[in-house]
């Protein structure tokens, strides 16, 4: 019966991988498969999530507030 072991290892300097498996005997022939996992994909965020995560607050909470401010600014130019 074939045995299978699942081991995890870290790549060492010199791009070496060292495995320790007390379950196998010295001199035993083994097959080694190396699976490199894909890097995790960054979570996609909506534009509003990005804006809300920025430091500080948005000046206008609604479009109406922005329109009112712009109208007041434009009106002040005429004075």
N, C-alpha and C. Protein backbone atom coordinates (compact mmCIF):
# COMPACT_ATOMS: atom_id res chain seq x y z
N UNK A 1 0.84 -1.18 0.00
CA UNK A 1 0.00 0.00 0.00
C UNK A 1 0.89 1.25 0.00
N UNK A 2 0.57 2.19 -0.85
CA UNK A 2 1.35 3.42 -0.94
C UNK A 2 1.00 4.33 0.23
N UNK A 3 2.04 4.93 0.81
CA UNK A 3 1.83 5.90 1.88
C UNK A 3 1.94 7.29 1.29
N UNK A 4 1.22 8.23 1.86
CA UNK A 4 1.32 9.62 1.43
C UNK A 4 1.45 10.49 2.67
N UNK A 5 2.35 11.43 2.59
CA UNK A 5 2.54 12.38 3.68
C UNK A 5 2.29 13.78 3.14
N UNK A 6 1.68 14.60 3.92
CA UNK A 6 1.51 16.01 3.54
C UNK A 6 2.40 16.83 4.45
N UNK A 7 3.45 17.39 3.89
CA UNK A 7 4.40 18.19 4.67
C UNK A 7 4.43 19.59 4.10
N UNK A 8 4.65 20.56 4.95
CA UNK A 8 4.84 21.92 4.48
C UNK A 8 6.25 22.33 4.84
N UNK A 9 6.87 23.08 3.95
CA UNK A 9 8.25 23.51 4.18
C UNK A 9 8.40 24.94 3.70
N UNK A 10 9.40 25.60 4.21
CA UNK A 10 9.71 26.95 3.81
C UNK A 10 10.96 26.91 2.94
N UNK A 11 10.95 27.72 1.89
CA UNK A 11 12.13 27.77 1.02
C UNK A 11 13.24 28.49 1.78
N UNK A 12 14.38 27.86 1.86
CA UNK A 12 15.52 28.38 2.61
C UNK A 12 16.44 29.18 1.69
N UNK A 13 17.38 29.92 2.28
CA UNK A 13 18.36 30.63 1.44
C UNK A 13 19.01 29.66 0.46
N UNK A 14 19.29 30.15 -0.73
CA UNK A 14 19.83 29.28 -1.76
C UNK A 14 18.73 28.50 -2.47
N UNK A 15 17.48 28.87 -2.19
CA UNK A 15 16.31 28.22 -2.78
C UNK A 15 16.29 26.72 -2.49
N UNK A 16 16.62 26.37 -1.26
CA UNK A 16 16.64 24.97 -0.84
C UNK A 16 15.40 24.68 0.00
N UNK A 17 14.95 23.45 -0.09
CA UNK A 17 13.82 23.00 0.73
C UNK A 17 14.30 21.80 1.53
N UNK A 18 14.09 21.88 2.83
CA UNK A 18 14.48 20.78 3.71
C UNK A 18 13.22 20.15 4.28
N UNK A 19 13.13 18.83 4.15
CA UNK A 19 11.97 18.11 4.68
C UNK A 19 12.43 17.17 5.79
N UNK A 20 11.65 17.14 6.84
CA UNK A 20 11.90 16.19 7.92
C UNK A 20 10.66 15.32 8.05
N UNK A 21 10.85 14.04 7.89
CA UNK A 21 9.74 13.10 7.95
C UNK A 21 10.18 11.85 8.70
N UNK A 22 9.93 11.80 9.99
CA UNK A 22 10.35 10.63 10.76
C UNK A 22 9.65 9.33 10.32
N UNK A 23 8.59 9.48 9.52
CA UNK A 23 7.83 8.30 9.07
C UNK A 23 8.57 7.50 8.00
N UNK A 24 9.61 8.10 7.38
CA UNK A 24 10.32 7.39 6.31
C UNK A 24 11.69 6.95 6.82
N UNK A 25 12.21 5.94 6.17
CA UNK A 25 13.48 5.36 6.60
C UNK A 25 14.63 5.93 5.78
N UNK A 26 15.81 5.97 6.41
CA UNK A 26 17.02 6.42 5.72
C UNK A 26 17.28 5.49 4.55
N UNK A 27 17.56 6.07 3.38
CA UNK A 27 17.85 5.28 2.20
C UNK A 27 16.61 4.90 1.40
N UNK A 28 15.44 5.16 1.95
CA UNK A 28 14.20 4.83 1.23
C UNK A 28 14.03 5.80 0.05
N UNK A 29 13.58 5.28 -1.07
CA UNK A 29 13.32 6.11 -2.24
C UNK A 29 11.91 6.69 -2.11
N UNK A 30 11.82 8.01 -2.34
CA UNK A 30 10.52 8.68 -2.26
C UNK A 30 10.32 9.57 -3.49
N UNK A 31 9.07 9.84 -3.81
CA UNK A 31 8.74 10.81 -4.85
C UNK A 31 8.30 12.08 -4.14
N UNK A 32 8.79 13.22 -4.61
CA UNK A 32 8.46 14.49 -3.98
C UNK A 32 7.75 15.37 -5.02
N UNK A 33 6.59 15.88 -4.66
CA UNK A 33 5.85 16.82 -5.49
C UNK A 33 5.84 18.15 -4.77
N UNK A 34 6.19 19.21 -5.47
CA UNK A 34 6.19 20.54 -4.87
C UNK A 34 5.06 21.33 -5.51
N UNK A 35 4.14 21.80 -4.71
CA UNK A 35 3.02 22.62 -5.17
C UNK A 35 3.19 24.01 -4.58
N UNK A 36 3.33 24.99 -5.45
CA UNK A 36 3.48 26.37 -4.99
C UNK A 36 2.09 27.01 -5.07
N UNK A 37 1.53 27.41 -3.92
CA UNK A 37 0.18 27.98 -3.96
C UNK A 37 0.18 29.35 -4.62
N UNK A 38 -0.94 29.67 -5.26
CA UNK A 38 -1.10 31.00 -5.85
C UNK A 38 -1.15 32.03 -4.73
N UNK A 39 -0.58 33.21 -4.96
CA UNK A 39 -0.68 34.25 -3.93
C UNK A 39 -2.14 34.66 -3.77
N UNK A 40 -2.53 35.02 -2.56
CA UNK A 40 -3.94 35.41 -2.36
C UNK A 40 -4.27 36.65 -3.18
N UNK A 41 -5.44 36.64 -3.78
CA UNK A 41 -5.88 37.79 -4.56
C UNK A 41 -6.36 38.88 -3.61
N UNK A 42 -5.95 40.12 -3.88
CA UNK A 42 -6.42 41.19 -3.00
C UNK A 42 -7.94 41.36 -3.15
N UNK A 43 -8.58 41.65 -2.04
CA UNK A 43 -10.02 41.85 -2.05
C UNK A 43 -10.33 43.13 -2.82
N UNK A 44 -11.27 43.04 -3.75
CA UNK A 44 -11.66 44.23 -4.50
C UNK A 44 -12.60 45.06 -3.63
N UNK A 45 -12.33 46.37 -3.60
CA UNK A 45 -13.17 47.25 -2.81
C UNK A 45 -13.88 48.23 -3.73
N UNK A 46 -15.06 48.63 -3.30
CA UNK A 46 -15.81 49.61 -4.09
C UNK A 46 -15.18 50.99 -3.90
N UNK A 47 -15.51 51.88 -4.80
CA UNK A 47 -15.00 53.25 -4.71
C UNK A 47 -15.42 53.88 -3.38
N UNK A 48 -16.64 53.64 -2.97
CA UNK A 48 -17.13 54.22 -1.71
C UNK A 48 -16.36 53.67 -0.50
N UNK A 49 -16.01 52.39 -0.53
CA UNK A 49 -15.21 51.83 0.56
C UNK A 49 -13.84 52.50 0.64
N UNK A 50 -13.25 52.75 -0.52
CA UNK A 50 -11.93 53.41 -0.54
C UNK A 50 -12.05 54.83 -0.02
N UNK A 51 -13.04 55.57 -0.50
CA UNK A 51 -13.23 56.95 -0.05
C UNK A 51 -13.50 57.00 1.45
N UNK A 52 -14.35 56.12 1.94
CA UNK A 52 -14.68 56.11 3.37
C UNK A 52 -13.50 55.69 4.24
N UNK A 53 -12.53 54.99 3.66
CA UNK A 53 -11.38 54.54 4.46
C UNK A 53 -10.30 55.62 4.56
N UNK A 54 -10.41 56.66 3.74
CA UNK A 54 -9.40 57.72 3.77
C UNK A 54 -9.51 58.53 5.06
N UNK A 55 -8.38 59.08 5.53
CA UNK A 55 -8.45 59.88 6.75
C UNK A 55 -9.29 61.13 6.53
N UNK A 56 -9.93 61.58 7.59
CA UNK A 56 -10.77 62.78 7.49
C UNK A 56 -12.17 62.42 7.05
N UNK A 57 -12.96 63.41 6.92
CA UNK A 57 -14.37 63.21 6.53
C UNK A 57 -14.62 63.88 5.20
N UNK A 58 -15.65 63.41 4.54
CA UNK A 58 -16.06 64.10 3.32
C UNK A 58 -16.72 65.41 3.73
N UNK A 59 -16.50 66.46 2.97
CA UNK A 59 -17.05 67.78 3.30
C UNK A 59 -18.56 67.77 3.17
N UNK A 60 -19.06 67.17 2.11
CA UNK A 60 -20.51 67.17 1.85
C UNK A 60 -21.05 65.77 1.99
N UNK A 61 -22.12 65.65 2.74
CA UNK A 61 -22.73 64.33 2.95
C UNK A 61 -23.69 63.98 1.82
N UNK A 62 -24.25 65.00 1.16
CA UNK A 62 -25.22 64.75 0.09
C UNK A 62 -24.89 65.63 -1.11
N UNK A 63 -25.38 65.26 -2.28
CA UNK A 63 -25.18 66.12 -3.45
C UNK A 63 -25.83 67.49 -3.28
N UNK A 64 -26.94 67.52 -2.55
CA UNK A 64 -27.64 68.79 -2.33
C UNK A 64 -26.75 69.76 -1.53
N UNK A 65 -26.03 69.24 -0.55
CA UNK A 65 -25.13 70.09 0.24
C UNK A 65 -24.03 70.67 -0.66
N UNK A 66 -23.50 69.87 -1.55
CA UNK A 66 -22.46 70.34 -2.46
C UNK A 66 -23.01 71.40 -3.40
N UNK A 67 -24.22 71.16 -3.94
CA UNK A 67 -24.84 72.15 -4.83
C UNK A 67 -25.08 73.47 -4.11
N UNK A 68 -25.57 73.40 -2.87
CA UNK A 68 -25.84 74.61 -2.09
C UNK A 68 -24.54 75.39 -1.86
N UNK A 69 -23.47 74.68 -1.51
CA UNK A 69 -22.19 75.34 -1.28
C UNK A 69 -21.69 76.02 -2.56
N UNK A 70 -21.77 75.31 -3.69
CA UNK A 70 -21.30 75.89 -4.95
C UNK A 70 -22.13 77.11 -5.35
N UNK A 71 -23.43 77.06 -5.12
CA UNK A 71 -24.28 78.20 -5.44
C UNK A 71 -23.89 79.40 -4.59
N UNK A 72 -23.66 79.16 -3.28
CA UNK A 72 -23.25 80.26 -2.40
C UNK A 72 -21.90 80.84 -2.84
N UNK A 73 -20.98 80.00 -3.24
CA UNK A 73 -19.68 80.48 -3.71
C UNK A 73 -19.83 81.32 -4.96
N UNK A 74 -20.62 80.82 -5.91
CA UNK A 74 -20.83 81.57 -7.16
C UNK A 74 -21.51 82.92 -6.90
N UNK A 75 -22.49 82.90 -5.99
CA UNK A 75 -23.19 84.13 -5.64
C UNK A 75 -22.23 85.14 -5.01
N UNK A 76 -21.24 84.65 -4.25
CA UNK A 76 -20.30 85.57 -3.59
C UNK A 76 -19.38 86.25 -4.61
N UNK A 77 -19.18 85.64 -5.78
CA UNK A 77 -18.34 86.23 -6.81
C UNK A 77 -18.96 87.50 -7.38
N UNK A 78 -20.30 87.53 -7.37
CA UNK A 78 -21.02 88.68 -7.93
C UNK A 78 -21.04 89.87 -6.97
N UNK A 79 -20.74 89.64 -5.71
CA UNK A 79 -20.84 90.72 -4.72
C UNK A 79 -19.64 91.63 -4.76
